[in-house]
Amino acid sequence: TAYKNLGFDIKDYPNAYDMYRCEISLPLHTLL
């Protein structure tokens, strides 16, 4: 919302959206 309100539109950043749409971060820490 904050950046939409500044005039940014995800349609102008197709590669960023493509990376995001199917990204998952799995647990990664030293207590595992």
Full PDB file with SEQRES, HELIX, SHEET, SSBOND, CRYST1, ORIGX, SCALE, CONECT and MASTER records, all heavy atoms in Angstrom:
SEQRES   1 A   32  THR ALA TYR LYS ASN LEU GLY PHE ASP ILE LYS ASP TYR          
SEQRES   2 A   32  PRO ASN ALA TYR ASP MET TYR ARG CYS GLU ILE SER LEU          
SEQRES   3 A   32  PRO LEU HIS THR LEU LEU                                      
HELIX    1 AA1 ILE A   10  ASP A   12  5                                   3    
HELIX    2 AA2 PRO A   14  ARG A   21  1                                   8    
CRYST1    1.000    1.000    1.000  90.00  90.00  90.00 P 1           1          
ORIGX1      1.000000  0.000000  0.000000        0.00000                         
ORIGX2      0.000000  1.000000  0.000000        0.00000                         
ORIGX3      0.000000  0.000000  1.000000        0.00000                         
SCALE1      1.000000  0.000000  0.000000        0.00000                         
SCALE2      0.000000  1.000000  0.000000        0.00000                         
SCALE3      0.000000  0.000000  1.000000        0.00000                         
ATOM      1  N   THR A   1       0.807  -1.223   0.000  1.00  0.00           N  
ATOM      2  CA  THR A   1       0.000   0.000   0.000  1.00  0.00           C  
ATOM      3  C   THR A   1       0.839   1.271   0.000  1.00  0.00           C  
ATOM      4  O   THR A   1       0.562   2.211  -0.758  1.00  0.00           O  
ATOM      5  CB  THR A   1      -0.944   0.003   1.219  1.00  0.00           C  
ATOM      6  OG1 THR A   1      -1.791  -1.150   1.134  1.00  0.00           O  
ATOM      7  CG2 THR A   1      -1.791   1.257   1.260  1.00  0.00           C  
ATOM      8  N   ALA A   2       1.864   1.294   0.837  1.00  0.00           N  
ATOM      9  CA  ALA A   2       2.691   2.507   0.957  1.00  0.00           C  
ATOM     10  C   ALA A   2       3.272   2.924  -0.387  1.00  0.00           C  
ATOM     11  O   ALA A   2       3.318   4.122  -0.716  1.00  0.00           O  
ATOM     12  CB  ALA A   2       3.814   2.282   1.965  1.00  0.00           C  
ATOM     13  N   TYR A   3       3.715   1.951  -1.162  1.00  0.00           N  
ATOM     14  CA  TYR A   3       4.377   2.268  -2.429  1.00  0.00           C  
ATOM     15  C   TYR A   3       3.380   2.402  -3.575  1.00  0.00           C  
ATOM     16  O   TYR A   3       3.632   3.148  -4.528  1.00  0.00           O  
ATOM     17  CB  TYR A   3       5.483   1.241  -2.693  1.00  0.00           C  
ATOM     18  CG  TYR A   3       6.511   1.314  -1.590  1.00  0.00           C  
ATOM     19  CD1 TYR A   3       6.491   0.394  -0.538  1.00  0.00           C  
ATOM     20  CD2 TYR A   3       7.427   2.361  -1.528  1.00  0.00           C  
ATOM     21  CE1 TYR A   3       7.388   0.504   0.518  1.00  0.00           C  
ATOM     22  CE2 TYR A   3       8.318   2.481  -0.484  1.00  0.00           C  
ATOM     23  CZ  TYR A   3       8.298   1.551   0.548  1.00  0.00           C  
ATOM     24  OH  TYR A   3       9.167   1.677   1.602  1.00  0.00           O  
ATOM     25  N   LYS A   4       2.236   1.730  -3.475  1.00  0.00           N  
ATOM     26  CA  LYS A   4       1.147   2.002  -4.425  1.00  0.00           C  
ATOM     27  C   LYS A   4       0.749   3.469  -4.306  1.00  0.00           C  
ATOM     28  O   LYS A   4       0.513   4.152  -5.307  1.00  0.00           O  
ATOM     29  CB  LYS A   4      -0.065   1.115  -4.128  1.00  0.00           C  
ATOM     30  CG  LYS A   4       0.087  -0.343  -4.488  1.00  0.00           C  
ATOM     31  CD  LYS A   4      -1.204  -1.081  -4.131  1.00  0.00           C  
ATOM     32  CE  LYS A   4      -1.093  -2.565  -4.323  1.00  0.00           C  
ATOM     33  NZ  LYS A   4      -2.323  -3.271  -3.883  1.00  0.00           N  
ATOM     34  N   ASN A   5       0.676   3.941  -3.057  1.00  0.00           N  
ATOM     35  CA  ASN A   5       0.288   5.342  -2.819  1.00  0.00           C  
ATOM     36  C   ASN A   5       1.319   6.331  -3.345  1.00  0.00           C  
ATOM     37  O   ASN A   5       1.000   7.504  -3.570  1.00  0.00           O  
ATOM     38  CB  ASN A   5       0.046   5.585  -1.330  1.00  0.00           C  
ATOM     39  CG  ASN A   5      -1.206   4.886  -0.822  1.00  0.00           C  
ATOM     40  OD1 ASN A   5      -2.071   4.477  -1.607  1.00  0.00           O  
ATOM     41  ND2 ASN A   5      -1.326   4.737   0.492  1.00  0.00           N  
ATOM     42  N   LEU A   6       2.544   5.868  -3.547  1.00  0.00           N  
ATOM     43  CA  LEU A   6       3.588   6.725  -4.135  1.00  0.00           C  
ATOM     44  C   LEU A   6       3.598   6.626  -5.660  1.00  0.00           C  
ATOM     45  O   LEU A   6       4.426   7.260  -6.322  1.00  0.00           O  
ATOM     46  CB  LEU A   6       4.963   6.342  -3.579  1.00  0.00           C  
ATOM     47  CG  LEU A   6       5.225   6.680  -2.107  1.00  0.00           C  
ATOM     48  CD1 LEU A   6       6.586   6.141  -1.675  1.00  0.00           C  
ATOM     49  CD2 LEU A   6       5.143   8.183  -1.857  1.00  0.00           C  
ATOM     50  N   GLY A   7       2.691   5.804  -6.208  1.00  0.00           N  
ATOM     51  CA  GLY A   7       2.548   5.726  -7.653  1.00  0.00           C  
ATOM     52  C   GLY A   7       3.190   4.520  -8.316  1.00  0.00           C  
ATOM     53  O   GLY A   7       3.195   4.418  -9.546  1.00  0.00           O  
ATOM     54  N   PHE A   8       3.729   3.584  -7.524  1.00  0.00           N  
ATOM     55  CA  PHE A   8       4.359   2.401  -8.102  1.00  0.00           C  
ATOM     56  C   PHE A   8       3.302   1.343  -8.434  1.00  0.00           C  
ATOM     57  O   PHE A   8       2.315   1.191  -7.710  1.00  0.00           O  
ATOM     58  CB  PHE A   8       5.403   1.822  -7.147  1.00  0.00           C  
ATOM     59  CG  PHE A   8       6.578   2.741  -6.928  1.00  0.00           C  
ATOM     60  CD1 PHE A   8       6.666   3.520  -5.772  1.00  0.00           C  
ATOM     61  CD2 PHE A   8       7.583   2.841  -7.876  1.00  0.00           C  
ATOM     62  CE1 PHE A   8       7.737   4.373  -5.576  1.00  0.00           C  
ATOM     63  CE2 PHE A   8       8.662   3.692  -7.690  1.00  0.00           C  
ATOM     64  CZ  PHE A   8       8.738   4.465  -6.539  1.00  0.00           C  
ATOM     65  N   ASP A   9       3.538   0.605  -9.512  1.00  0.00           N  
ATOM     66  CA  ASP A   9       2.594  -0.407  -9.986  1.00  0.00           C  
ATOM     67  C   ASP A   9       3.380  -1.673 -10.336  1.00  0.00           C  
ATOM     68  O   ASP A   9       4.346  -1.616 -11.112  1.00  0.00           O  
ATOM     69  CB  ASP A   9       1.858   0.113 -11.227  1.00  0.00           C  
ATOM     70  CG  ASP A   9       0.716  -0.800 -11.677  1.00  0.00           C  
ATOM     71  OD1 ASP A   9       0.779  -2.017 -11.422  1.00  0.00           O  
ATOM     72  OD2 ASP A   9      -0.223  -0.284 -12.321  1.00  0.00           O  
ATOM     73  N   ILE A  10       2.983  -2.799  -9.783  1.00  0.00           N  
ATOM     74  CA  ILE A  10       3.713  -4.053  -9.999  1.00  0.00           C  
ATOM     75  C   ILE A  10       3.758  -4.429 -11.482  1.00  0.00           C  
ATOM     76  O   ILE A  10       4.678  -5.143 -11.919  1.00  0.00           O  
ATOM     77  CB  ILE A  10       3.108  -5.192  -9.144  1.00  0.00           C  
ATOM     78  CG1 ILE A  10       4.033  -6.427  -9.148  1.00  0.00           C  
ATOM     79  CG2 ILE A  10       1.720  -5.544  -9.611  1.00  0.00           C  
ATOM     80  CD1 ILE A  10       5.415  -6.189  -8.604  1.00  0.00           C  
ATOM     81  N   LYS A  11       2.827  -3.956 -12.275  1.00  0.00           N  
ATOM     82  CA  LYS A  11       2.838  -4.259 -13.713  1.00  0.00           C  
ATOM     83  C   LYS A  11       4.111  -3.748 -14.387  1.00  0.00           C  
ATOM     84  O   LYS A  11       4.519  -4.256 -15.439  1.00  0.00           O  
ATOM     85  CB  LYS A  11       1.616  -3.645 -14.395  1.00  0.00           C  
ATOM     86  CG  LYS A  11       0.304  -4.319 -14.008  1.00  0.00           C  
ATOM     87  CD  LYS A  11      -0.875  -3.606 -14.633  1.00  0.00           C  
ATOM     88  CE  LYS A  11      -2.198  -4.222 -14.158  1.00  0.00           C  
ATOM     89  NZ  LYS A  11      -3.362  -3.436 -14.650  1.00  0.00           N  
ATOM     90  N   ASP A  12       4.742  -2.752 -13.773  1.00  0.00           N  
ATOM     91  CA  ASP A  12       5.983  -2.201 -14.327  1.00  0.00           C  
ATOM     92  C   ASP A  12       7.210  -3.024 -13.930  1.00  0.00           C  
ATOM     93  O   ASP A  12       8.324  -2.712 -14.369  1.00  0.00           O  
ATOM     94  CB  ASP A  12       6.172  -0.753 -13.869  1.00  0.00           C  
ATOM     95  CG  ASP A  12       5.061   0.160 -14.376  1.00  0.00           C  
ATOM     96  OD1 ASP A  12       4.592  -0.068 -15.514  1.00  0.00           O  
ATOM     97  OD2 ASP A  12       4.653   1.074 -13.626  1.00  0.00           O  
ATOM     98  N   TYR A  13       7.007  -4.046 -13.089  1.00  0.00           N  
ATOM     99  CA  TYR A  13       8.123  -4.852 -12.581  1.00  0.00           C  
ATOM    100  C   TYR A  13       7.786  -6.337 -12.740  1.00  0.00           C  
ATOM    101  O   TYR A  13       7.682  -7.078 -11.757  1.00  0.00           O  
ATOM    102  CB  TYR A  13       8.406  -4.488 -11.116  1.00  0.00           C  
ATOM    103  CG  TYR A  13       8.599  -2.997 -10.933  1.00  0.00           C  
ATOM    104  CD1 TYR A  13       7.511  -2.171 -10.607  1.00  0.00           C  
ATOM    105  CD2 TYR A  13       9.836  -2.404 -11.148  1.00  0.00           C  
ATOM    106  CE1 TYR A  13       7.669  -0.795 -10.485  1.00  0.00           C  
ATOM    107  CE2 TYR A  13       9.998  -1.026 -11.029  1.00  0.00           C  
ATOM    108  CZ  TYR A  13       8.911  -0.233 -10.703  1.00  0.00           C  
ATOM    109  OH  TYR A  13       9.074   1.121 -10.595  1.00  0.00           O  
ATOM    110  N   PRO A  14       7.610  -6.787 -13.986  1.00  0.00           N  
ATOM    111  CA  PRO A  14       7.147  -8.161 -14.230  1.00  0.00           C  
ATOM    112  C   PRO A  14       8.100  -9.237 -13.721  1.00  0.00           C  
ATOM    113  O   PRO A  14       7.658 -10.300 -13.269  1.00  0.00           O  
ATOM    114  CB  PRO A  14       6.998  -8.220 -15.755  1.00  0.00           C  
ATOM    115  CG  PRO A  14       7.895  -7.134 -16.275  1.00  0.00           C  
ATOM    116  CD  PRO A  14       7.836  -6.047 -15.244  1.00  0.00           C  
ATOM    117  N   ASN A  15       9.404  -8.978 -13.776  1.00  0.00           N  
ATOM    118  CA  ASN A  15      10.363  -9.989 -13.330  1.00  0.00           C  
ATOM    119  C   ASN A  15      10.304 -10.166 -11.812  1.00  0.00           C  
ATOM    120  O   ASN A  15      10.407 -11.289 -11.297  1.00  0.00           O  
ATOM    121  CB  ASN A  15      11.778  -9.616 -13.760  1.00  0.00           C  
ATOM    122  CG  ASN A  15      11.941  -9.619 -15.271  1.00  0.00           C  
ATOM    123  OD1 ASN A  15      11.176 -10.262 -15.981  1.00  0.00           O  
ATOM    124  ND2 ASN A  15      12.934  -8.891 -15.770  1.00  0.00           N  
ATOM    125  N   ALA A  16      10.150  -9.057 -11.094  1.00  0.00           N  
ATOM    126  CA  ALA A  16      10.019  -9.134  -9.636  1.00  0.00           C  
ATOM    127  C   ALA A  16       8.775  -9.934  -9.265  1.00  0.00           C  
ATOM    128  O   ALA A  16       8.811 -10.792  -8.370  1.00  0.00           O  
ATOM    129  CB  ALA A  16       9.951  -7.734  -9.031  1.00  0.00           C  
ATOM    130  N   TYR A  17       7.672  -9.667  -9.954  1.00  0.00           N  
ATOM    131  CA  TYR A  17       6.438 -10.413  -9.656  1.00  0.00           C  
ATOM    132  C   TYR A  17       6.621 -11.892  -9.956  1.00  0.00           C  
ATOM    133  O   TYR A  17       6.175 -12.758  -9.180  1.00  0.00           O  
ATOM    134  CB  TYR A  17       5.243  -9.873 -10.435  1.00  0.00           C  
ATOM    135  CG  TYR A  17       3.988 -10.655 -10.104  1.00  0.00           C  
ATOM    136  CD1 TYR A  17       3.292 -10.401  -8.922  1.00  0.00           C  
ATOM    137  CD2 TYR A  17       3.548 -11.677 -10.934  1.00  0.00           C  
ATOM    138  CE1 TYR A  17       2.176 -11.152  -8.579  1.00  0.00           C  
ATOM    139  CE2 TYR A  17       2.439 -12.434 -10.603  1.00  0.00           C  
ATOM    140  CZ  TYR A  17       1.751 -12.169  -9.429  1.00  0.00           C  
ATOM    141  OH  TYR A  17       0.652 -12.930  -9.071  1.00  0.00           O  
ATOM    142  N   ASP A  18       7.296 -12.207 -11.057  1.00  0.00           N  
ATOM    143  CA  ASP A  18       7.478 -13.608 -11.439  1.00  0.00           C  
ATOM    144  C   ASP A  18       8.323 -14.352 -10.405  1.00  0.00           C  
ATOM    145  O   ASP A  18       8.065 -15.525 -10.115  1.00  0.00           O  
ATOM    146  CB  ASP A  18       8.127 -13.703 -12.821  1.00  0.00           C  
ATOM    147  CG  ASP A  18       8.147 -15.130 -13.334  1.00  0.00           C  
ATOM    148  OD1 ASP A  18       7.063 -15.752 -13.395  1.00  0.00           O  
ATOM    149  OD2 ASP A  18       9.236 -15.632 -13.665  1.00  0.00           O  
ATOM    150  N   MET A  19       9.330 -13.690  -9.844  1.00  0.00           N  
ATOM    151  CA  MET A  19      10.136 -14.325  -8.791  1.00  0.00           C  
ATOM    152  C   MET A  19       9.295 -14.554  -7.542  1.00  0.00           C  
ATOM    153  O   MET A  19       9.373 -15.600  -6.897  1.00  0.00           O  
ATOM    154  CB  MET A  19      11.358 -13.460  -8.451  1.00  0.00           C  
ATOM    155  CG  MET A  19      12.370 -13.297  -9.575  1.00  0.00           C  
ATOM    156  SD  MET A  19      13.034 -14.857 -10.207  1.00  0.00           S  
ATOM    157  CE  MET A  19      14.057 -15.373  -8.834  1.00  0.00           C  
ATOM    158  N   TYR A  20       8.476 -13.577  -7.224  1.00  0.00           N  
ATOM    159  CA  TYR A  20       7.665 -13.620  -5.998  1.00  0.00           C  
ATOM    160  C   TYR A  20       6.548 -14.651  -6.042  1.00  0.00           C  
ATOM    161  O   TYR A  20       6.286 -15.338  -5.049  1.00  0.00           O  
ATOM    162  CB  TYR A  20       7.076 -12.223  -5.752  1.00  0.00           C  
ATOM    163  CG  TYR A  20       5.794 -12.209  -4.953  1.00  0.00           C  
ATOM    164  CD1 TYR A  20       5.817 -12.373  -3.569  1.00  0.00           C  
ATOM    165  CD2 TYR A  20       4.552 -12.046  -5.580  1.00  0.00           C  
ATOM    166  CE1 TYR A  20       4.631 -12.369  -2.831  1.00  0.00           C  
ATOM    167  CE2 TYR A  20       3.381 -12.037  -4.857  1.00  0.00           C  
ATOM    168  CZ  TYR A  20       3.422 -12.208  -3.476  1.00  0.00           C  
ATOM    169  OH  TYR A  20       2.261 -12.212  -2.755  1.00  0.00           O  
ATOM    170  N   ARG A  21       5.878 -14.797  -7.186  1.00  0.00           N  
ATOM    171  CA  ARG A  21       4.617 -15.557  -7.246  1.00  0.00           C  
ATOM    172  C   ARG A  21       4.777 -17.005  -6.792  1.00  0.00           C  
ATOM    173  O   ARG A  21       3.840 -17.598  -6.250  1.00  0.00           O  
ATOM    174  CB  ARG A  21       4.038 -15.527  -8.662  1.00  0.00           C  
ATOM    175  CG  ARG A  21       4.847 -16.314  -9.672  1.00  0.00           C  
ATOM    176  CD  ARG A  21       4.217 -16.466 -11.029  1.00  0.00           C  
ATOM    177  NE  ARG A  21       5.186 -17.019 -11.970  1.00  0.00           N  
ATOM    178  CZ  ARG A  21       5.435 -18.328 -12.095  1.00  0.00           C  
ATOM    179  NH1 ARG A  21       4.770 -19.212 -11.365  1.00  0.00           N  
ATOM    180  NH2 ARG A  21       6.348 -18.746 -12.956  1.00  0.00           N  
ATOM    181  N   CYS A  22       5.978 -17.579  -6.978  1.00  0.00           N  
ATOM    182  CA  CYS A  22       6.159 -19.004  -6.639  1.00  0.00           C  
ATOM    183  C   CYS A  22       7.311 -19.224  -5.665  1.00  0.00           C  
ATOM    184  O   CYS A  22       7.830 -20.328  -5.547  1.00  0.00           O  
ATOM    185  CB  CYS A  22       6.367 -19.817  -7.916  1.00  0.00           C  
ATOM    186  SG  CYS A  22       7.813 -19.327  -8.887  1.00  0.00           S  
ATOM    187  N   GLU A  23       7.715 -18.156  -4.945  1.00  0.00           N  
ATOM    188  CA  GLU A  23       8.830 -18.266  -3.994  1.00  0.00           C  
ATOM    189  C   GLU A  23       8.337 -18.735  -2.630  1.00  0.00           C  
ATOM    190  O   GLU A  23       7.317 -18.268  -2.122  1.00  0.00           O  
ATOM    191  CB  GLU A  23       9.544 -16.918  -3.849  1.00  0.00           C  
ATOM    192  CG  GLU A  23      10.873 -16.991  -3.090  1.00  0.00           C  
ATOM    193  CD  GLU A  23      10.742 -16.978  -1.573  1.00  0.00           C  
ATOM    194  OE1 GLU A  23       9.824 -16.300  -1.060  1.00  0.00           O  
ATOM    195  OE2 GLU A  23      11.547 -17.644  -0.898  1.00  0.00           O  
ATOM    196  N   ILE A  24       9.089 -19.655  -2.022  1.00  0.00           N  
ATOM    197  CA  ILE A  24       8.831 -20.124  -0.661  1.00  0.00           C  
ATOM    198  C   ILE A  24      10.162 -20.132   0.081  1.00  0.00           C  
ATOM    199  O   ILE A  24      11.175 -20.598  -0.444  1.00  0.00           O  
ATOM    200  CB  ILE A  24       8.224 -21.543  -0.643  1.00  0.00           C  
ATOM    201  CG1 ILE A  24       6.882 -21.577  -1.385  1.00  0.00           C  
ATOM    202  CG2 ILE A  24       8.057 -22.050   0.791  1.00  0.00           C  
ATOM    203  CD1 ILE A  24       6.317 -22.977  -1.586  1.00  0.00           C  
ATOM    204  N   SER A  25      10.163 -19.612   1.306  1.00  0.00           N  
ATOM    205  CA  SER A  25      11.355 -19.660   2.157  1.00  0.00           C  
ATOM    206  C   SER A  25      11.154 -20.761   3.195  1.00  0.00           C  
ATOM    207  O   SER A  25      10.211 -20.703   3.987  1.00  0.00           O  
ATOM    208  CB  SER A  25      11.579 -18.318   2.853  1.00  0.00           C  
ATOM    209  OG  SER A  25      11.700 -17.278   1.903  1.00  0.00           O  
ATOM    210  N   LEU A  26      12.031 -21.752   3.156  1.00  0.00           N  
ATOM    211  CA  LEU A  26      11.957 -22.870   4.095  1.00  0.00           C  
ATOM    212  C   LEU A  26      12.738 -22.536   5.365  1.00  0.00           C  
ATOM    213  O   LEU A  26      13.647 -21.701   5.343  1.00  0.00           O  
ATOM    214  CB  LEU A  26      12.538 -24.126   3.453  1.00  0.00           C  
ATOM    215  CG  LEU A  26      11.833 -24.631   2.184  1.00  0.00           C  
ATOM    216  CD1 LEU A  26      12.563 -25.850   1.618  1.00  0.00           C  
ATOM    217  CD2 LEU A  26      10.374 -24.969   2.462  1.00  0.00           C  
ATOM    218  N   PRO A  27      12.413 -23.179   6.486  1.00  0.00           N  
ATOM    219  CA  PRO A  27      13.153 -22.911   7.730  1.00  0.00           C  
ATOM    220  C   PRO A  27      14.648 -23.152   7.549  1.00  0.00           C  
ATOM    221  O   PRO A  27      15.061 -24.178   6.994  1.00  0.00           O  
ATOM    222  CB  PRO A  27      12.554 -23.914   8.721  1.00  0.00           C  
ATOM    223  CG  PRO A  27      11.196 -24.230   8.181  1.00  0.00           C  
ATOM    224  CD  PRO A  27      11.345 -24.174   6.686  1.00  0.00           C  
ATOM    225  N   LEU A  28      15.440 -22.197   7.968  1.00  0.00           N  
ATOM    226  CA  LEU A  28      16.896 -22.311   7.905  1.00  0.00           C  
ATOM    227  C   LEU A  28      17.482 -21.577   9.112  1.00  0.00           C  
ATOM    228  O   LEU A  28      17.531 -20.351   9.136  1.00  0.00           O  
ATOM    229  CB  LEU A  28      17.432 -21.712   6.596  1.00  0.00           C  
ATOM    230  CG  LEU A  28      18.960 -21.627   6.446  1.00  0.00           C  
ATOM    231  CD1 LEU A  28      19.621 -22.980   6.664  1.00  0.00           C  
ATOM    232  CD2 LEU A  28      19.341 -21.065   5.075  1.00  0.00           C  
ATOM    233  N   HIS A  29      17.863 -22.354  10.107  1.00  0.00           N  
ATOM    234  CA  HIS A  29      18.471 -21.767  11.306  1.00  0.00           C  
ATOM    235  C   HIS A  29      19.279 -22.832  12.029  1.00  0.00           C  
ATOM    236  O   HIS A  29      19.155 -24.036  11.750  1.00  0.00           O  
ATOM    237  CB  HIS A  29      17.406 -21.147  12.230  1.00  0.00           C  
ATOM    238  CG  HIS A  29      16.315 -22.094  12.631  1.00  0.00           C  
ATOM    239  ND1 HIS A  29      16.446 -22.997  13.661  1.00  0.00           N  
ATOM    240  CD2 HIS A  29      15.066 -22.273  12.133  1.00  0.00           C  
ATOM    241  CE1 HIS A  29      15.327 -23.686  13.796  1.00  0.00           C  
ATOM    242  NE2 HIS A  29      14.464 -23.282  12.876  1.00  0.00           N  
ATOM    243  N   THR A  30      20.112 -22.398  12.974  1.00  0.00           N  
ATOM    244  CA  THR A  30      21.088 -23.296  13.583  1.00  0.00           C  
ATOM    245  C   THR A  30      20.547 -24.078  14.779  1.00  0.00           C  
ATOM    246  O   THR A  30      21.299 -24.814  15.420  1.00  0.00           O  
ATOM    247  CB  THR A  30      22.353 -22.508  13.984  1.00  0.00           C  
ATOM    248  OG1 THR A  30      21.965 -21.294  14.636  1.00  0.00           O  
ATOM    249  CG2 THR A  30      23.166 -22.155  12.758  1.00  0.00           C  
ATOM    250  N   LEU A  31      19.249 -23.973  15.058  1.00  0.00           N  
ATOM    251  CA  LEU A  31      18.634 -24.836  16.069  1.00  0.00           C  
ATOM    252  C   LEU A  31      18.016 -26.082  15.430  1.00  0.00           C  
ATOM    253  O   LEU A  31      17.507 -26.951  16.129  1.00  0.00           O  
ATOM    254  CB  LEU A  31      17.563 -24.064  16.856  1.00  0.00           C  
ATOM    255  CG  LEU A  31      18.067 -22.870  17.669  1.00  0.00           C  
ATOM    256  CD1 LEU A  31      16.930 -22.239  18.466  1.00  0.00           C  
ATOM    257  CD2 LEU A  31      19.199 -23.271  18.612  1.00  0.00           C  
ATOM    258  N   LEU A  32      18.051 -26.151  14.094  1.00  0.00           N  
ATOM    259  CA  LEU A  32      17.535 -27.330  13.389  1.00  0.00           C  
ATOM    260  C   LEU A  32      18.524 -28.489  13.524  1.00  0.00           C  
ATOM    261  O   LEU A  32      19.719 -28.340  13.259  1.00  0.00           O  
ATOM    262  CB  LEU A  32      17.344 -27.021  11.906  1.00  0.00           C  
ATOM    263  CG  LEU A  32      16.217 -26.063  11.513  1.00  0.00           C  
ATOM    264  CD1 LEU A  32      16.368 -25.673  10.038  1.00  0.00           C  
ATOM    265  CD2 LEU A  32      14.853 -26.677  11.775  1.00  0.00           C  
TER     266      LEU A  32                                                      
MASTER        0    0    0    2    0    0    0    6  265    1    0    3          
END                                                                             
